[in-house]
Amino acid sequence: MANEFFPTPAEHLDDIDQYIIDALRKDGREAFSQIAEQLKVSPGMIRQRYNRLVEMGYLKVLAITNPMQYGFKTMAMIGIRTDGQRMLEVAEQVAALKEVIYLIVVSGRYDLMAEVFCRDQEELLTFLTQKLSAIEGVRETESFMHLKIVKEIYF
């Protein structure tokens, strides 16, 4: 069973596995009994399938917090150019900064893209001028302030 996020079924997943993944992606708190009822199978079967999906790495259970509720009002995506031979070393140091919530190595104009959450613009300025720029191998940065999150999904 394909869906909009997984157009072709993964190698070892059948329709029931795909349904469980899709149901929990939409509502991670949906009861196994509800999923079982929709599929006309036993809750025990859903529990077994769920445990297998977790063991195989298809599912990971975690709570997603709302940073705005914790006082982080300033969010930015930062493009980082590095000295080429130090790129991965720089990435490790950037990843260790508490403000960084997402970091990827990319191709193109930048070597790294970091998403950061700060309490306010002053904290972002401190992050940029005292923490990020202090990392040896960071050559240049460009900040893109989040103005509005239009779409945010987890899959």
C-alpha atoms as a PDB file:
ATOM      1  CA  MET A   1       0.000   0.000   0.000  1.00  0.00           C
ATOM      2  CA  ALA A   2       1.671   3.221  -1.144  1.00  0.00           C
ATOM      3  CA  ASN A   3       0.922   6.655   0.267  1.00  0.00           C
ATOM      4  CA  GLU A   4       2.004  10.220  -0.439  1.00  0.00           C
ATOM      5  CA  PHE A   5       5.220   9.951   1.610  1.00  0.00           C
ATOM      6  CA  PHE A   6       6.225   6.427   0.645  1.00  0.00           C
ATOM      7  CA  PRO A   7       5.112   6.010  -2.992  1.00  0.00           C
ATOM      8  CA  THR A   8       6.705   2.580  -3.300  1.00  0.00           C
ATOM      9  CA  PRO A   9       6.584   0.109  -0.423  1.00  0.00           C
ATOM     10  CA  ALA A  10       9.851  -0.552   1.372  1.00  0.00           C
ATOM     11  CA  GLU A  11      11.473  -3.911   0.745  1.00  0.00           C
ATOM     12  CA  HIS A  12      10.269  -5.890   3.788  1.00  0.00           C
ATOM     13  CA  LEU A  13       6.997  -4.122   4.491  1.00  0.00           C
ATOM     14  CA  ASP A  14       3.553  -5.373   3.603  1.00  0.00           C
ATOM     15  CA  ASP A  15       0.263  -3.474   3.510  1.00  0.00           C
ATOM     16  CA  ILE A  16      -0.310  -3.917   7.257  1.00  0.00           C
ATOM     17  CA  ASP A  17       3.152  -2.530   8.102  1.00  0.00           C
ATOM     18  CA  GLN A  18       2.584   0.426   5.793  1.00  0.00           C
ATOM     19  CA  TYR A  19      -0.819   1.096   7.370  1.00  0.00           C
ATOM     20  CA  ILE A  20       0.662   1.024  10.894  1.00  0.00           C
ATOM     21  CA  ILE A  21       3.419   3.454   9.883  1.00  0.00           C
ATOM     22  CA  ASP A  22       0.957   5.810   8.202  1.00  0.00           C
ATOM     23  CA  ALA A  23      -1.497   5.696  11.127  1.00  0.00           C
ATOM     24  CA  LEU A  24       1.229   6.433  13.692  1.00  0.00           C
ATOM     25  CA  ARG A  25       2.755   9.151  11.516  1.00  0.00           C
ATOM     26  CA  LYS A  26      -0.609  10.942  11.553  1.00  0.00           C
ATOM     27  CA  ASP A  27      -1.215  10.336  15.270  1.00  0.00           C
ATOM     28  CA  GLY A  28       1.619   8.791  17.253  1.00  0.00           C
ATOM     29  CA  ARG A  29      -0.736   8.155  20.169  1.00  0.00           C
ATOM     30  CA  GLU A  30      -3.297   6.112  18.253  1.00  0.00           C
ATOM     31  CA  ALA A  31      -4.044   2.952  20.202  1.00  0.00           C
ATOM     32  CA  PHE A  32      -2.992  -0.403  18.789  1.00  0.00           C
ATOM     33  CA  SER A  33      -6.566  -1.561  19.384  1.00  0.00           C
ATOM     34  CA  GLN A  34      -7.906   1.175  17.081  1.00  0.00           C
ATOM     35  CA  ILE A  35      -5.436   0.291  14.351  1.00  0.00           C
ATOM     36  CA  ALA A  36      -6.256  -3.399  14.795  1.00  0.00           C
ATOM     37  CA  GLU A  37      -9.978  -2.684  14.539  1.00  0.00           C
ATOM     38  CA  GLN A  38      -9.496  -0.756  11.292  1.00  0.00           C
ATOM     39  CA  LEU A  39      -7.426  -3.604   9.841  1.00  0.00           C
ATOM     40  CA  LYS A  40      -9.666  -6.333  11.334  1.00  0.00           C
ATOM     41  CA  VAL A  41      -6.734  -8.037  13.069  1.00  0.00           C
ATOM     42  CA  SER A  42      -5.807  -8.534  16.724  1.00  0.00           C
ATOM     43  CA  PRO A  43      -4.142  -5.808  18.817  1.00  0.00           C
ATOM     44  CA  GLY A  44      -1.423  -8.358  19.626  1.00  0.00           C
ATOM     45  CA  MET A  45      -0.571  -8.588  15.943  1.00  0.00           C
ATOM     46  CA  ILE A  46      -0.270  -4.802  15.726  1.00  0.00           C
ATOM     47  CA  ARG A  47       1.952  -4.760  18.830  1.00  0.00           C
ATOM     48  CA  GLN A  48       4.226  -7.427  17.308  1.00  0.00           C
ATOM     49  CA  ARG A  49       4.402  -5.582  13.996  1.00  0.00           C
ATOM     50  CA  TYR A  50       5.087  -2.288  15.766  1.00  0.00           C
ATOM     51  CA  ASN A  51       7.934  -3.811  17.802  1.00  0.00           C
ATOM     52  CA  ARG A  52       9.423  -5.305  14.620  1.00  0.00           C
ATOM     53  CA  LEU A  53       9.172  -1.964  12.806  1.00  0.00           C
ATOM     54  CA  VAL A  54      11.003  -0.266  15.691  1.00  0.00           C
ATOM     55  CA  GLU A  55      13.702  -2.970  15.775  1.00  0.00           C
ATOM     56  CA  MET A  56      14.192  -2.712  11.992  1.00  0.00           C
ATOM     57  CA  GLY A  57      14.557   1.061  12.221  1.00  0.00           C
ATOM     58  CA  TYR A  58      11.411   2.010  10.284  1.00  0.00           C
ATOM     59  CA  LEU A  59       9.867   3.675  13.334  1.00  0.00           C
ATOM     60  CA  LYS A  60      11.395   5.742  16.091  1.00  0.00           C
ATOM     61  CA  VAL A  61       9.297   6.988  18.960  1.00  0.00           C
ATOM     62  CA  LEU A  62       9.958  10.441  20.377  1.00  0.00           C
ATOM     63  CA  ALA A  63       8.168  13.493  21.663  1.00  0.00           C
ATOM     64  CA  ILE A  64       8.314  16.641  19.572  1.00  0.00           C
ATOM     65  CA  THR A  65       8.404  19.796  21.643  1.00  0.00           C
ATOM     66  CA  ASN A  66       7.264  23.259  20.682  1.00  0.00           C
ATOM     67  CA  PRO A  67      10.298  25.554  21.085  1.00  0.00           C
ATOM     68  CA  MET A  68       8.082  28.644  21.075  1.00  0.00           C
ATOM     69  CA  GLN A  69       6.478  27.439  24.330  1.00  0.00           C
ATOM     70  CA  TYR A  70       9.947  27.229  25.877  1.00  0.00           C
ATOM     71  CA  GLY A  71      10.730  30.837  25.010  1.00  0.00           C
ATOM     72  CA  PHE A  72      12.710  30.315  21.808  1.00  0.00           C
ATOM     73  CA  LYS A  73      11.189  33.058  19.666  1.00  0.00           C
ATOM     74  CA  THR A  74      13.974  33.492  17.104  1.00  0.00           C
ATOM     75  CA  MET A  75      14.664  30.800  14.545  1.00  0.00           C
ATOM     76  CA  ALA A  76      17.085  30.936  11.642  1.00  0.00           C
ATOM     77  CA  MET A  77      18.610  28.776   8.959  1.00  0.00           C
ATOM     78  CA  ILE A  78      22.315  29.513   8.547  1.00  0.00           C
ATOM     79  CA  GLY A  79      24.384  28.691   5.474  1.00  0.00           C
ATOM     80  CA  ILE A  80      28.009  28.035   6.439  1.00  0.00           C
ATOM     81  CA  ARG A  81      31.039  27.983   4.144  1.00  0.00           C
ATOM     82  CA  THR A  82      34.094  26.199   5.512  1.00  0.00           C
ATOM     83  CA  ASP A  83      37.690  25.526   4.650  1.00  0.00           C
ATOM     84  CA  GLY A  84      37.194  22.455   2.460  1.00  0.00           C
ATOM     85  CA  GLN A  85      39.528  20.072   4.256  1.00  0.00           C
ATOM     86  CA  ARG A  86      38.019  21.003   7.641  1.00  0.00           C
ATOM     87  CA  MET A  87      34.357  20.711   6.657  1.00  0.00           C
ATOM     88  CA  LEU A  88      33.523  17.602   8.708  1.00  0.00           C
ATOM     89  CA  GLU A  89      35.532  18.824  11.696  1.00  0.00           C
ATOM     90  CA  VAL A  90      33.638  22.126  11.551  1.00  0.00           C
ATOM     91  CA  ALA A  91      30.367  20.201  11.259  1.00  0.00           C
ATOM     92  CA  GLU A  92      31.111  18.302  14.488  1.00  0.00           C
ATOM     93  CA  GLN A  93      31.863  21.525  16.362  1.00  0.00           C
ATOM     94  CA  VAL A  94      28.770  23.298  15.020  1.00  0.00           C
ATOM     95  CA  ALA A  95      26.621  20.281  15.932  1.00  0.00           C
ATOM     96  CA  ALA A  96      27.856  20.554  19.543  1.00  0.00           C
ATOM     97  CA  LEU A  97      26.426  24.076  19.943  1.00  0.00           C
ATOM     98  CA  LYS A  98      23.233  24.005  22.017  1.00  0.00           C
ATOM     99  CA  GLU A  99      21.385  26.426  19.719  1.00  0.00           C
ATOM    100  CA  VAL A 100      21.764  24.112  16.709  1.00  0.00           C
ATOM    101  CA  ILE A 101      18.810  21.759  16.341  1.00  0.00           C
ATOM    102  CA  TYR A 102      19.463  20.542  12.790  1.00  0.00           C
ATOM    103  CA  LEU A 103      22.669  20.372  10.778  1.00  0.00           C
ATOM    104  CA  ILE A 104      23.331  18.941   7.341  1.00  0.00           C
ATOM    105  CA  VAL A 105      26.306  18.780   4.985  1.00  0.00           C
ATOM    106  CA  VAL A 106      25.192  20.031   1.584  1.00  0.00           C
ATOM    107  CA  SER A 107      26.490  20.673  -1.897  1.00  0.00           C
ATOM    108  CA  GLY A 108      26.229  24.030  -3.599  1.00  0.00           C
ATOM    109  CA  ARG A 109      26.946  27.520  -2.331  1.00  0.00           C
ATOM    110  CA  TYR A 110      27.300  26.399   1.302  1.00  0.00           C
ATOM    111  CA  ASP A 111      28.995  23.421   2.882  1.00  0.00           C
ATOM    112  CA  LEU A 112      26.683  23.209   5.898  1.00  0.00           C
ATOM    113  CA  MET A 113      23.153  24.319   6.675  1.00  0.00           C
ATOM    114  CA  ALA A 114      22.261  24.750  10.336  1.00  0.00           C
ATOM    115  CA  GLU A 115      18.887  25.460  11.864  1.00  0.00           C
ATOM    116  CA  VAL A 116      19.111  27.302  15.169  1.00  0.00           C
ATOM    117  CA  PHE A 117      16.654  28.314  17.879  1.00  0.00           C
ATOM    118  CA  CYS A 118      17.439  31.293  20.102  1.00  0.00           C
ATOM    119  CA  ARG A 119      15.443  33.136  22.741  1.00  0.00           C
ATOM    120  CA  ASP A 120      15.676  36.456  20.891  1.00  0.00           C
ATOM    121  CA  GLN A 121      17.666  38.345  18.259  1.00  0.00           C
ATOM    122  CA  GLU A 122      20.306  39.329  20.807  1.00  0.00           C
ATOM    123  CA  GLU A 123      20.987  35.674  21.585  1.00  0.00           C
ATOM    124  CA  LEU A 124      21.177  34.947  17.844  1.00  0.00           C
ATOM    125  CA  LEU A 125      23.698  37.779  17.439  1.00  0.00           C
ATOM    126  CA  THR A 126      25.799  36.339  20.279  1.00  0.00           C
ATOM    127  CA  PHE A 127      25.578  32.898  18.673  1.00  0.00           C
ATOM    128  CA  LEU A 128      26.768  34.233  15.308  1.00  0.00           C
ATOM    129  CA  THR A 129      29.510  36.557  16.554  1.00  0.00           C
ATOM    130  CA  GLN A 130      30.894  34.708  19.554  1.00  0.00           C
ATOM    131  CA  LYS A 131      30.189  31.019  19.021  1.00  0.00           C
ATOM    132  CA  LEU A 132      29.886  30.222  15.317  1.00  0.00           C
ATOM    133  CA  SER A 133      32.506  32.670  14.064  1.00  0.00           C
ATOM    134  CA  ALA A 134      34.952  31.418  16.733  1.00  0.00           C
ATOM    135  CA  ILE A 135      35.073  27.941  15.173  1.00  0.00           C
ATOM    136  CA  GLU A 136      38.285  27.552  13.223  1.00  0.00           C
ATOM    137  CA  GLY A 137      37.478  26.675   9.632  1.00  0.00           C
ATOM    138  CA  VAL A 138      34.250  28.709   9.385  1.00  0.00           C
ATOM    139  CA  ARG A 139      34.897  31.097   6.489  1.00  0.00           C
ATOM    140  CA  GLU A 140      31.530  32.721   5.914  1.00  0.00           C
ATOM    141  CA  THR A 141      27.928  32.527   7.086  1.00  0.00           C
ATOM    142  CA  GLU A 142      24.601  33.792   5.831  1.00  0.00           C
ATOM    143  CA  SER A 143      21.512  33.851   8.041  1.00  0.00           C
ATOM    144  CA  PHE A 144      17.937  33.366   6.947  1.00  0.00           C
ATOM    145  CA  MET A 145      15.439  34.333   9.651  1.00  0.00           C
ATOM    146  CA  HIS A 146      12.297  32.225   9.944  1.00  0.00           C
ATOM    147  CA  LEU A 147       9.337  34.524   9.446  1.00  0.00           C
ATOM    148  CA  LYS A 148       6.596  31.902   9.377  1.00  0.00           C
ATOM    149  CA  ILE A 149       6.517  28.127   9.294  1.00  0.00           C
ATOM    150  CA  VAL A 150       4.098  27.227   6.525  1.00  0.00           C
ATOM    151  CA  LYS A 151       4.587  23.461   6.564  1.00  0.00           C
ATOM    152  CA  GLU A 152       6.250  21.166   9.059  1.00  0.00           C
ATOM    153  CA  ILE A 153       5.985  17.398   8.862  1.00  0.00           C
ATOM    154  CA  TYR A 154       7.791  14.484  10.427  1.00  0.00           C
ATOM    155  CA  PHE A 155       7.983  11.123   8.703  1.00  0.00           C
END
